[in-house]
Amino acid sequence: MTSVADQAWFKDPALQRVLTLLNEDGGEARVAGGAVRNSLIGMPVGDVDIATTLVPADVIARAGAAGVKAVPTGIDHGTVTLVVERTPFEVTTLRRDVETDGRRAQVAFGTNWQEDAERRDLTINALYATADGTVIDLVGGLADIETRTVRFIGDADQRIAEDYLRILRFFRFFAFYGGGRPDADGLRACARAKAKLASLSAERVWSETKKLLSAPDPFRALLWMRQSGVLTEILPETEKWGIDAVPALVAAETACGWAPDPLLRLAAILPPDTERLAGLAARLKLSRAEAAYLAQWAGAPEIPATLAETTFDRMLYRSGVQGIIVRLKLALASSRAKAEADPQAMAFSGLCQRLLARAERWSKPDFPLSGTDVLAAGVAAGQQVGDILRMLENEWVESNFNLDRASLLARLATLAT
């Protein structure tokens, strides 16, 4: 018998209080999905979700009687969030799909655990743990965990037709949990339905893509997305650029202690084309910060193989730190991968490491003059004020920021006459 009863997360008093509350007086509740899956795989457990035979109104009533805060976070779909000791638990009534259109489903509440399991997407996501920790497997998820198989429940085409986002979820879960090759039936079904991804909201597509790019190593998933045509469907910009830079980037992340960064990985598979990246940001509705990240990277200069640190400081001042850091990380990853067989790549790798360290601790200096100083020198208000200020700032930068305020004011006096 498989059990999670000895797991620290399962013994949490807050969780046990919720399970006790929902399993009294004819109700039944089980931990469902990710917490059970991750516990069995040996990965960290995050949020703990609960499935119950009780309808939302009964969940809320029981919580109120027990002094537990209940928040109707998704009550139309049967979800109530119970908060115990500041820990939230999503509690969802057992459901079956009444109607689906590939983007959303109309559901009916029920008490049948088999029906609830079969409406879920992947076998490894449809495991339950009862109040005593016993794992219940109604769809073959335990065997798939053993073999690291990411597989749709039942007919893959039907599962995908219920929600086309499941195409991306298939690859995302393969990136995190899969071993070997993807399930062949699932892969073929994803390839057949890939055009349907266009019917989904941009926010859902980008959210799922970003999660996939956050996997410890997303390369194999990206490779199969490329093979099936799914990657081109959501990121056509990658079609003639490729994903070959990802393994070297993942290796550099490990060696240098960088946390997985989905935007850095996205940059690794995209051409640094400002116009195309602006189109991508608009299409996928990236946040302003995400769009700026890509724009700054694309607009940053290439890193020459020989670059003095003083010249680099001027580059940082003029181009901005963020985009250059992205350039350096990608260049470092690429050069590290070639370094063993190429002495020049080894030397460039060392340069990139030094410049990256300098960029990460660099603080932009403040230009000592302002427009007020130019006006005070007798220059009439207008375009000439800005022109003179820019000229002086450029001289200051070219001096490696060594010209002080007095020297700049003296130079200003000569320009104002």
Protein backbone atom coordinates (compact mmCIF):
# COMPACT_ATOMS: atom_id res chain seq x y z
CA MET A 1 0.00 0.00 0.00
CA THR A 2 1.37 3.39 -1.01
CA SER A 3 1.03 6.07 1.65
CA VAL A 4 2.10 9.65 2.35
CA ALA A 5 1.20 9.47 6.03
CA ASP A 6 4.82 9.80 7.15
CA GLN A 7 5.46 12.96 5.11
CA ALA A 8 5.97 16.19 7.07
CA TRP A 9 3.62 18.17 4.85
CA PHE A 10 0.84 15.63 5.42
CA LYS A 11 1.29 15.80 9.20
CA ASP A 12 0.85 19.56 9.19
CA PRO A 13 -1.75 20.35 11.91
CA ALA A 14 -3.46 22.92 9.67
CA LEU A 15 -4.01 20.32 6.93
CA GLN A 16 -5.14 17.71 9.41
CA ARG A 17 -7.67 20.16 10.83
CA VAL A 18 -9.15 20.76 7.38
CA LEU A 19 -9.31 17.03 6.55
CA THR A 20 -10.98 16.27 9.89
CA LEU A 21 -13.50 19.05 9.38
CA LEU A 22 -14.47 17.85 5.89
CA ASN A 23 -14.53 14.12 6.68
CA GLU A 24 -17.07 14.39 9.51
CA ASP A 25 -20.79 13.66 9.27
CA GLY A 26 -20.84 11.83 5.96
CA GLY A 27 -18.44 14.09 4.08
CA GLU A 28 -15.32 12.78 2.42
CA ALA A 29 -12.21 14.73 1.52
CA ARG A 30 -8.86 13.73 0.06
CA VAL A 31 -5.69 15.57 -0.83
CA ALA A 32 -5.61 15.70 -4.62
CA GLY A 33 -3.09 16.20 -7.40
CA GLY A 34 0.25 17.93 -7.13
CA ALA A 35 1.02 17.44 -3.45
CA VAL A 36 0.57 13.68 -3.74
CA ARG A 37 2.49 13.51 -7.03
CA ASN A 38 5.47 15.53 -5.80
CA SER A 39 5.62 13.63 -2.52
CA LEU A 40 5.85 10.30 -4.34
CA ILE A 41 8.43 11.60 -6.80
CA GLY A 42 10.53 13.09 -4.01
CA MET A 43 10.11 16.71 -5.04
CA PRO A 44 9.15 19.61 -2.75
CA VAL A 45 5.45 19.95 -1.99
CA GLY A 46 3.98 23.42 -2.43
CA ASP A 47 0.27 24.18 -2.27
CA VAL A 48 -1.96 21.41 -0.95
CA ASP A 49 -5.30 21.07 -2.76
CA ILE A 50 -8.23 19.07 -1.46
CA ALA A 51 -11.13 17.38 -3.25
CA THR A 52 -14.39 16.74 -1.41
CA THR A 53 -17.84 15.24 -1.86
CA LEU A 54 -19.33 18.27 -0.09
CA VAL A 55 -20.82 21.06 -2.18
CA PRO A 56 -19.34 24.55 -1.69
CA ALA A 57 -22.18 25.80 0.49
CA ASP A 58 -21.60 22.91 2.91
CA VAL A 59 -17.86 23.54 2.94
CA ILE A 60 -18.48 27.19 3.82
CA ALA A 61 -21.02 26.27 6.48
CA ARG A 62 -18.70 23.77 8.15
CA ALA A 63 -15.83 26.22 8.07
CA GLY A 64 -17.96 28.93 9.63
CA ALA A 65 -19.12 26.67 12.42
CA ALA A 66 -15.52 25.70 13.17
CA GLY A 67 -14.20 29.27 13.09
CA VAL A 68 -12.21 28.68 9.89
CA LYS A 69 -11.99 31.46 7.32
CA ALA A 70 -13.61 30.51 4.00
CA VAL A 71 -13.04 32.49 0.79
CA PRO A 72 -15.23 31.64 -2.28
CA THR A 73 -12.31 31.91 -4.72
CA GLY A 74 -13.90 29.88 -7.53
CA ILE A 75 -17.28 28.95 -6.24
CA ASP A 76 -18.89 28.57 -9.69
CA HIS A 77 -16.44 25.75 -10.34
CA GLY A 78 -16.75 24.36 -6.85
CA THR A 79 -13.68 25.86 -5.21
CA VAL A 80 -13.56 27.40 -1.75
CA THR A 81 -10.28 28.38 -0.09
CA LEU A 82 -10.03 27.58 3.60
CA VAL A 83 -7.39 29.47 5.57
CA VAL A 84 -6.02 27.82 8.70
CA GLU A 85 -3.11 29.35 10.59
CA ARG A 86 -2.46 31.62 7.58
CA THR A 87 -2.14 28.59 5.31
CA PRO A 88 -4.60 28.46 2.37
CA PHE A 89 -6.10 25.17 1.18
CA GLU A 90 -8.15 25.09 -2.02
CA VAL A 91 -11.11 22.79 -1.48
CA THR A 92 -12.95 21.75 -4.63
CA THR A 93 -16.13 19.71 -4.93
CA LEU A 94 -15.93 16.55 -7.06
CA ARG A 95 -16.95 17.38 -10.59
CA ARG A 96 -17.77 16.01 -13.98
CA ASP A 97 -17.74 17.95 -17.24
CA VAL A 98 -21.15 18.66 -18.74
CA GLU A 99 -19.91 20.66 -21.72
CA THR A 100 -16.50 21.81 -22.94
CA ASP A 101 -15.34 23.95 -25.84
CA GLY A 102 -11.58 23.64 -25.57
CA ARG A 103 -11.25 26.80 -23.49
CA ARG A 104 -13.63 26.37 -20.55
CA ALA A 105 -15.92 23.74 -19.14
CA GLN A 106 -19.38 23.67 -17.63
CA VAL A 107 -19.28 21.30 -14.68
CA ALA A 108 -21.73 19.48 -12.47
CA PHE A 109 -20.94 18.62 -8.87
CA GLY A 110 -20.95 14.99 -7.83
CA THR A 111 -19.72 12.40 -5.36
CA ASN A 112 -18.06 9.95 -7.75
CA TRP A 113 -14.29 9.81 -7.30
CA GLN A 114 -13.77 7.86 -10.52
CA GLU A 115 -15.57 10.51 -12.57
CA ASP A 116 -13.58 13.25 -10.86
CA ALA A 117 -10.30 11.49 -11.62
CA GLU A 118 -11.18 10.82 -15.25
CA ARG A 119 -11.94 14.50 -15.97
CA ARG A 120 -8.42 15.51 -14.97
CA ASP A 121 -5.65 15.86 -17.54
CA LEU A 122 -2.70 13.59 -16.76
CA THR A 123 -2.50 10.35 -14.82
CA ILE A 124 0.17 11.65 -12.44
CA ASN A 125 -2.10 14.60 -11.57
CA ALA A 126 -5.10 12.43 -10.62
CA LEU A 127 -3.80 10.75 -7.46
CA TYR A 128 -5.56 11.20 -4.13
CA ALA A 129 -4.51 10.71 -0.52
CA THR A 130 -7.20 9.84 2.02
CA ALA A 131 -7.35 11.24 5.54
CA ASP A 132 -5.03 8.47 6.80
CA GLY A 133 -2.49 9.07 4.02
CA THR A 134 -3.38 6.11 1.79
CA VAL A 135 -2.79 6.93 -1.88
CA ILE A 136 -5.74 6.19 -4.17
CA ASP A 137 -4.96 5.64 -7.84
CA LEU A 138 -7.95 5.32 -10.18
CA VAL A 139 -6.24 5.97 -13.53
CA GLY A 140 -2.80 4.34 -13.46
CA GLY A 141 -0.85 7.29 -12.13
CA LEU A 142 1.34 5.27 -9.75
CA ALA A 143 2.76 3.13 -12.55
CA ASP A 144 3.44 6.26 -14.61
CA ILE A 145 5.28 7.88 -11.70
CA GLU A 146 7.47 4.78 -11.47
CA THR A 147 8.42 5.06 -15.15
CA ARG A 148 8.37 8.88 -15.29
CA THR A 149 5.68 8.71 -17.99
CA VAL A 150 3.58 11.82 -18.62
CA ARG A 151 0.36 10.48 -20.12
CA PHE A 152 -3.14 11.77 -20.71
CA ILE A 153 -5.98 10.03 -18.91
CA GLY A 154 -7.95 7.89 -21.34
CA ASP A 155 -8.19 9.20 -24.89
CA ALA A 156 -5.56 11.91 -25.47
CA ASP A 157 -7.50 13.65 -28.25
CA GLN A 158 -10.57 13.90 -26.03
CA ARG A 159 -8.63 15.24 -23.05
CA ILE A 160 -7.06 17.91 -25.24
CA ALA A 161 -10.38 18.84 -26.85
CA GLU A 162 -11.72 19.60 -23.37
CA ASP A 163 -9.06 22.28 -22.87
CA TYR A 164 -6.46 23.05 -25.52
CA LEU A 165 -4.11 24.44 -22.88
CA ARG A 166 -3.46 20.80 -22.02
CA ILE A 167 -1.16 20.67 -25.05
CA LEU A 168 1.25 22.99 -23.28
CA ARG A 169 0.65 21.31 -19.93
CA PHE A 170 1.68 18.00 -21.48
CA PHE A 171 5.07 19.44 -22.40
CA ARG A 172 5.40 21.41 -19.18
CA PHE A 173 4.86 18.32 -17.05
CA PHE A 174 7.21 16.36 -19.29
CA ALA A 175 9.85 19.03 -18.63
CA PHE A 176 9.45 18.67 -14.87
CA TYR A 177 8.58 14.99 -14.43
CA GLY A 178 9.10 13.08 -17.68
CA GLY A 179 11.81 10.59 -18.51
CA GLY A 180 12.89 9.19 -21.87
CA ARG A 181 10.59 10.04 -24.76
CA PRO A 182 7.14 11.61 -24.38
CA ASP A 183 4.13 9.31 -24.53
CA ALA A 184 3.59 8.66 -28.23
CA ASP A 185 -0.22 8.94 -28.17
CA GLY A 186 -0.03 12.21 -26.28
CA LEU A 187 2.62 13.62 -28.59
CA ARG A 188 0.62 12.78 -31.72
CA ALA A 189 -2.56 14.24 -30.21
CA CYS A 190 -0.73 17.47 -29.36
CA ALA A 191 0.61 17.72 -32.90
CA ARG A 192 -2.87 17.18 -34.37
CA ALA A 193 -4.47 19.87 -32.21
CA LYS A 194 -1.67 22.46 -32.16
CA ALA A 195 -3.56 24.97 -34.32
CA LYS A 196 -6.24 25.14 -31.61
CA LEU A 197 -3.77 26.93 -29.32
CA ALA A 198 -4.70 30.08 -31.23
CA SER A 199 -8.16 29.92 -29.66
CA LEU A 200 -6.74 30.38 -26.15
CA SER A 201 -6.15 33.69 -24.42
CA ALA A 202 -2.63 35.03 -24.74
CA GLU A 203 -2.37 35.26 -20.97
CA ARG A 204 -2.99 31.53 -20.52
CA VAL A 205 -0.51 30.59 -23.26
CA TRP A 206 2.25 32.80 -21.88
CA SER A 207 1.64 31.72 -18.28
CA GLU A 208 1.99 28.06 -19.23
CA THR A 209 4.99 28.71 -21.46
CA LYS A 210 6.73 30.64 -18.69
CA LYS A 211 6.17 27.77 -16.27
CA LEU A 212 7.66 25.34 -18.78
CA LEU A 213 10.70 27.57 -19.26
CA SER A 214 11.16 27.57 -15.47
CA ALA A 215 11.77 23.80 -15.34
CA PRO A 216 15.23 22.71 -14.15
CA ASP A 217 16.04 21.67 -17.73
CA PRO A 218 13.37 22.44 -20.36
CA PHE A 219 15.46 21.37 -23.36
CA ARG A 220 13.93 17.92 -24.01
CA ALA A 221 10.43 19.37 -23.76
CA LEU A 222 11.35 22.19 -26.15
CA LEU A 223 12.88 19.66 -28.53
CA TRP A 224 9.66 17.65 -28.72
CA MET A 225 7.62 20.84 -28.99
CA ARG A 226 9.78 21.71 -31.99
CA GLN A 227 9.35 18.22 -33.50
CA SER A 228 5.56 18.31 -33.08
CA GLY A 229 5.19 21.87 -34.43
CA VAL A 230 3.81 23.17 -31.12
CA LEU A 231 6.77 25.51 -30.47
CA THR A 232 6.41 27.20 -33.85
CA GLU A 233 2.69 27.60 -33.19
CA ILE A 234 3.23 29.65 -30.02
CA LEU A 235 6.68 31.13 -30.73
CA PRO A 236 7.08 31.43 -34.51
CA GLU A 237 10.09 33.68 -33.88
CA THR A 238 12.08 30.59 -32.88
CA GLU A 239 11.51 28.74 -36.15
CA LYS A 240 14.74 29.78 -37.92
CA TRP A 241 16.68 30.53 -34.75
CA GLY A 242 16.62 27.26 -32.85
CA ILE A 243 16.80 25.93 -29.32
CA ASP A 244 20.36 24.62 -29.39
CA ALA A 245 21.57 27.28 -26.95
CA VAL A 246 19.45 25.90 -24.10
CA PRO A 247 21.67 22.98 -22.96
CA ALA A 248 24.70 25.28 -22.69
CA LEU A 249 22.63 27.84 -20.78
CA VAL A 250 21.34 25.22 -18.33
CA ALA A 251 24.92 24.00 -17.80
CA ALA A 252 26.07 27.57 -17.12
CA GLU A 253 23.22 28.11 -14.67
CA THR A 254 24.34 25.06 -12.72
CA ALA A 255 28.02 25.98 -12.80
CA CYS A 256 27.51 29.65 -11.92
CA GLY A 257 24.68 29.22 -9.43
CA TRP A 258 22.11 31.18 -11.45
CA ALA A 259 18.47 30.50 -10.66
CA PRO A 260 16.45 29.30 -13.67
CA ASP A 261 15.17 32.42 -15.41
CA PRO A 262 12.37 31.83 -17.95
CA LEU A 263 13.01 35.16 -19.68
CA LEU A 264 16.73 34.46 -20.07
CA ARG A 265 15.88 31.07 -21.54
CA LEU A 266 13.34 32.70 -23.83
CA ALA A 267 16.01 35.13 -25.02
CA ALA A 268 18.29 32.16 -25.74
CA ILE A 269 15.84 30.79 -28.33
CA LEU A 270 14.84 34.10 -29.95
CA PRO A 271 16.62 36.38 -32.45
CA PRO A 272 17.67 39.72 -30.89
CA ASP A 273 15.38 41.62 -33.22
CA THR A 274 13.74 44.59 -31.47
CA GLU A 275 10.79 44.82 -33.85
CA ARG A 276 9.97 41.09 -33.76
CA LEU A 277 10.32 40.98 -29.99
CA ALA A 278 7.94 43.91 -29.64
CA GLY A 279 5.45 41.96 -31.74
CA LEU A 280 5.91 38.88 -29.57
CA ALA A 281 5.39 40.92 -26.40
CA ALA A 282 2.17 42.38 -27.78
CA ARG A 283 0.89 39.03 -29.06
CA LEU A 284 1.48 37.15 -25.80
CA LYS A 285 0.58 40.17 -23.66
CA LEU A 286 3.81 40.15 -21.71
CA SER A 287 4.00 42.50 -18.76
CA ARG A 288 5.74 45.83 -19.24
CA ALA A 289 8.72 44.57 -17.27
CA GLU A 290 8.96 41.40 -19.37
CA ALA A 291 8.69 43.33 -22.64
CA ALA A 292 11.34 45.79 -21.42
CA TYR A 293 13.67 42.89 -20.50
CA LEU A 294 13.57 41.56 -24.07
CA ALA A 295 13.82 45.03 -25.62
CA GLN A 296 16.84 45.97 -23.50
CA TRP A 297 18.56 42.71 -24.41
CA ALA A 298 17.91 43.15 -28.13
CA GLY A 299 19.09 46.78 -28.00
CA ALA A 300 22.27 46.03 -26.04
CA PRO A 301 25.57 45.94 -27.98
CA GLU A 302 27.43 42.73 -28.72
CA ILE A 303 30.30 41.99 -26.35
CA PRO A 304 33.65 42.20 -28.22
CA ALA A 305 36.21 39.49 -27.52
CA THR A 306 38.62 42.16 -26.26
CA LEU A 307 37.04 44.84 -24.13
CA ALA A 308 38.71 47.11 -21.57
CA GLU A 309 36.87 47.54 -18.29
CA THR A 310 36.79 51.34 -18.65
CA THR A 311 35.24 50.95 -22.09
CA PHE A 312 32.77 48.50 -20.55
CA ASP A 313 31.74 51.08 -17.93
CA ARG A 314 30.93 53.52 -20.71
CA MET A 315 28.91 50.79 -22.45
CA LEU A 316 26.94 50.15 -19.25
CA TYR A 317 26.20 53.86 -18.85
CA ARG A 318 24.98 54.33 -22.39
CA SER A 319 23.13 51.06 -22.96
CA GLY A 320 21.87 50.13 -19.50
CA VAL A 321 22.83 47.26 -17.23
CA GLN A 322 19.95 44.80 -17.71
CA GLY A 323 20.31 44.15 -21.43
CA ILE A 324 24.10 43.82 -21.19
CA ILE A 325 23.81 41.32 -18.33
CA VAL A 326 21.55 39.17 -20.51
CA ARG A 327 24.04 39.46 -23.40
CA LEU A 328 26.89 38.46 -21.09
CA LYS A 329 25.09 35.47 -19.63
CA LEU A 330 24.20 34.12 -23.05
CA ALA A 331 27.73 34.76 -24.34
CA LEU A 332 29.23 33.13 -21.26
CA ALA A 333 27.03 30.05 -21.64
CA SER A 334 27.98 29.69 -25.31
CA SER A 335 31.71 30.20 -24.75
CA ARG A 336 31.80 27.80 -21.79
CA ALA A 337 30.35 25.08 -24.02
CA LYS A 338 33.15 25.61 -26.56
CA ALA A 339 35.99 26.29 -24.14
CA GLU A 340 37.36 22.77 -23.84
CA ALA A 341 38.22 22.56 -27.53
CA ASP A 342 38.76 26.24 -28.28
CA PRO A 343 41.36 28.35 -26.36
CA GLN A 344 39.83 31.57 -27.70
CA ALA A 345 36.43 30.56 -26.36
CA MET A 346 38.05 29.79 -23.01
CA ALA A 347 39.59 33.26 -22.90
CA PHE A 348 36.28 34.88 -23.88
CA SER A 349 34.51 32.88 -21.18
CA GLY A 350 36.88 34.32 -18.59
CA LEU A 351 36.30 37.85 -19.93
CA CYS A 352 32.52 37.39 -19.77
CA GLN A 353 32.73 36.20 -16.17
CA ARG A 354 34.76 39.24 -15.15
CA LEU A 355 32.51 41.66 -17.00
CA LEU A 356 29.39 40.04 -15.61
CA ALA A 357 30.68 40.41 -12.06
CA ARG A 358 31.50 44.06 -12.79
CA ALA A 359 28.06 44.72 -14.31
CA GLU A 360 26.23 43.14 -11.38
CA ARG A 361 27.97 45.42 -8.86
CA TRP A 362 28.05 48.52 -11.12
CA SER A 363 26.21 51.62 -9.99
CA LYS A 364 25.39 54.25 -12.57
CA PRO A 365 27.21 57.54 -11.77
CA ASP A 366 25.25 60.80 -11.72
CA PHE A 367 26.14 63.42 -14.33
CA PRO A 368 27.20 66.50 -12.32
CA LEU A 369 25.37 69.11 -14.43
CA SER A 370 21.75 69.83 -15.27
CA GLY A 371 19.80 72.09 -17.60
CA THR A 372 19.65 74.68 -14.82
CA ASP A 373 23.43 75.02 -14.98
CA VAL A 374 23.30 75.62 -18.72
CA LEU A 375 20.65 78.31 -18.33
CA ALA A 376 22.64 79.92 -15.53
CA ALA A 377 25.62 80.13 -17.88
CA GLY A 378 23.58 82.44 -20.11
CA VAL A 379 22.30 80.01 -22.74
CA ALA A 380 18.78 80.90 -23.87
CA ALA A 381 16.05 78.38 -23.20
CA GLY A 382 15.49 76.09 -26.16
CA GLN A 383 17.03 73.25 -28.08
CA GLN A 384 20.56 74.55 -27.55
CA VAL A 385 20.30 73.80 -23.81
CA GLY A 386 19.79 70.11 -24.49
CA ASP A 387 22.44 70.02 -27.20
CA ILE A 388 25.08 71.54 -24.92
CA LEU A 389 24.10 69.31 -22.03
CA ARG A 390 24.40 66.20 -24.19
CA MET A 391 27.78 67.34 -25.52
CA LEU A 392 29.12 67.87 -22.01
CA GLU A 393 27.71 64.56 -20.81
CA ASN A 394 29.43 62.78 -23.69
CA GLU A 395 32.75 64.41 -22.83
CA TRP A 396 32.27 63.40 -19.19
CA VAL A 397 31.55 59.78 -20.19
CA GLU A 398 34.56 59.68 -22.54
CA SER A 399 36.74 60.85 -19.64
CA ASN A 400 35.61 57.68 -17.84
CA PHE A 401 33.49 59.92 -15.58
CA ASN A 402 36.61 61.68 -14.25
CA LEU A 403 35.69 65.27 -15.18
CA ASP A 404 34.35 66.89 -12.02
CA ARG A 405 31.68 69.55 -11.73
CA ALA A 406 34.18 72.42 -11.69
CA SER A 407 35.86 71.19 -14.88
CA LEU A 408 32.51 70.76 -16.60
CA LEU A 409 31.35 74.24 -15.58
CA ALA A 410 34.57 75.68 -16.99
CA ARG A 411 33.96 73.85 -20.25
CA LEU A 412 30.32 75.05 -20.21
CA ALA A 413 31.51 78.63 -19.91
CA THR A 414 33.48 78.28 -23.15
CA LEU A 415 30.47 76.83 -24.95
CA ALA A 416 28.07 79.49 -23.70
CA THR A 417 30.09 82.39 -25.04
